[in-house]
Amino acid sequence: MALTPKLIIFSISEPKPSLPDGGKAWRRTFDAVKVQDGSLVAQWQAQLPHRSFSSDRDRFLQLDDRLFYITKEEVAEINLEDITLKKHGWR
């Protein structure tokens, strides 16, 4: 979970149906809600599922006015303006 002055952003990894080889896949979703009333502002969902998920390694990092999401394999910046404008995958 990440807190900003206007938004609370939740990171959710949803299990997907088993793969043909019996493995599990996960799909990452972010929900952004208003601090003021908890209403949903926007949601972003990964297009492709991934096989690995480790909740102890995935986290948000806020540096000044920039927000990052860090996993074992990558670092991605989350543009807060994209959330309110519903751009770049945010709906």
Protein backbone atom coordinates (compact mmCIF):
# COMPACT_ATOMS: atom_id res chain seq x y z
CA MET A 1 0.00 0.00 0.00
CA ALA A 2 1.18 3.52 -0.82
CA LEU A 3 -0.14 6.73 0.71
CA THR A 4 -0.14 10.09 -1.05
CA PRO A 5 -1.91 13.27 0.04
CA LYS A 6 -4.89 12.48 -2.22
CA LEU A 7 -4.69 8.72 -2.93
CA ILE A 8 -4.21 5.35 -1.32
CA ILE A 9 -2.81 2.84 -3.81
CA PHE A 10 -3.17 -0.88 -3.18
CA SER A 11 -1.08 -3.54 -4.90
CA ILE A 12 -2.95 -6.81 -5.34
CA SER A 13 -1.71 -10.02 -6.91
CA GLU A 14 -4.65 -12.10 -8.01
CA PRO A 15 -4.24 -15.84 -8.62
CA LYS A 16 -5.23 -16.94 -12.10
CA PRO A 17 -6.48 -20.39 -13.12
CA SER A 18 -3.83 -23.07 -13.21
CA LEU A 19 -1.62 -23.21 -16.26
CA PRO A 20 -1.62 -26.30 -18.52
CA ASP A 21 1.52 -27.57 -16.77
CA GLY A 22 -0.17 -27.32 -13.35
CA GLY A 23 1.68 -24.15 -12.29
CA LYS A 24 0.08 -21.08 -10.82
CA ALA A 25 0.05 -17.66 -12.41
CA TRP A 26 -0.57 -14.28 -10.80
CA ARG A 27 -1.86 -11.02 -12.26
CA ARG A 28 -0.83 -7.76 -10.62
CA THR A 29 -3.51 -5.12 -10.09
CA PHE A 30 -3.28 -1.64 -8.58
CA ASP A 31 -6.35 0.07 -7.11
CA ALA A 32 -6.21 3.80 -6.40
CA VAL A 33 -8.81 5.18 -4.00
CA LYS A 34 -9.47 8.69 -2.68
CA VAL A 35 -8.15 9.43 0.80
CA GLN A 36 -11.19 11.65 1.41
CA ASP A 37 -13.93 9.05 0.99
CA GLY A 38 -12.39 5.73 -0.13
CA SER A 39 -14.05 5.79 -3.54
CA LEU A 40 -12.25 4.10 -6.42
CA VAL A 41 -10.44 6.59 -8.66
CA ALA A 42 -8.83 4.16 -11.10
CA GLN A 43 -7.49 0.63 -11.52
CA TRP A 44 -4.53 -0.72 -13.46
CA GLN A 45 -4.05 -4.41 -14.32
CA ALA A 46 -1.06 -6.14 -15.86
CA GLN A 47 -1.76 -7.53 -19.31
CA LEU A 48 0.22 -10.71 -18.76
CA PRO A 49 0.26 -12.95 -15.71
CA HIS A 50 3.56 -13.89 -14.08
CA ARG A 51 4.59 -17.10 -12.38
CA SER A 52 6.42 -15.71 -9.38
CA PHE A 53 4.94 -13.69 -6.57
CA SER A 54 6.64 -12.83 -3.33
CA SER A 55 4.70 -10.38 -1.18
CA ASP A 56 7.70 -9.86 1.11
CA ARG A 57 9.73 -8.36 -1.76
CA ASP A 58 7.16 -6.25 -3.61
CA ARG A 59 6.80 -2.76 -2.20
CA PHE A 60 6.24 0.91 -2.91
CA LEU A 61 8.97 3.50 -2.46
CA GLN A 62 8.27 7.22 -2.38
CA LEU A 63 11.10 9.66 -3.08
CA ASP A 64 10.01 13.29 -2.83
CA ASP A 65 7.05 13.55 -5.23
CA ARG A 66 7.89 10.35 -7.18
CA LEU A 67 6.37 6.92 -6.48
CA PHE A 68 8.00 3.64 -7.46
CA TYR A 69 6.90 0.01 -7.28
CA ILE A 70 9.75 -2.41 -6.64
CA THR A 71 9.72 -6.17 -7.21
CA LYS A 72 12.45 -8.77 -7.16
CA GLU A 73 12.93 -8.37 -10.93
CA GLU A 74 12.13 -4.72 -11.69
CA VAL A 75 11.48 -1.15 -10.63
CA ALA A 76 8.62 0.85 -12.18
CA GLU A 77 7.66 4.45 -11.60
CA ILE A 78 3.97 5.14 -11.06
CA ASN A 79 2.92 8.48 -12.46
CA LEU A 80 0.23 9.85 -10.14
CA GLU A 81 -1.09 12.14 -12.87
CA ASP A 82 -1.74 9.08 -15.07
CA ILE A 83 -4.05 7.75 -12.35
CA THR A 84 -6.27 10.83 -12.19
CA LEU A 85 -6.25 11.25 -15.99
CA LYS A 86 -6.79 7.49 -16.52
CA LYS A 87 -3.88 7.19 -18.95
CA HIS A 88 -1.33 4.46 -19.69
CA GLY A 89 -3.50 1.53 -18.64
CA TRP A 90 -5.34 3.17 -15.71
CA ARG A 91 -9.13 2.80 -16.08
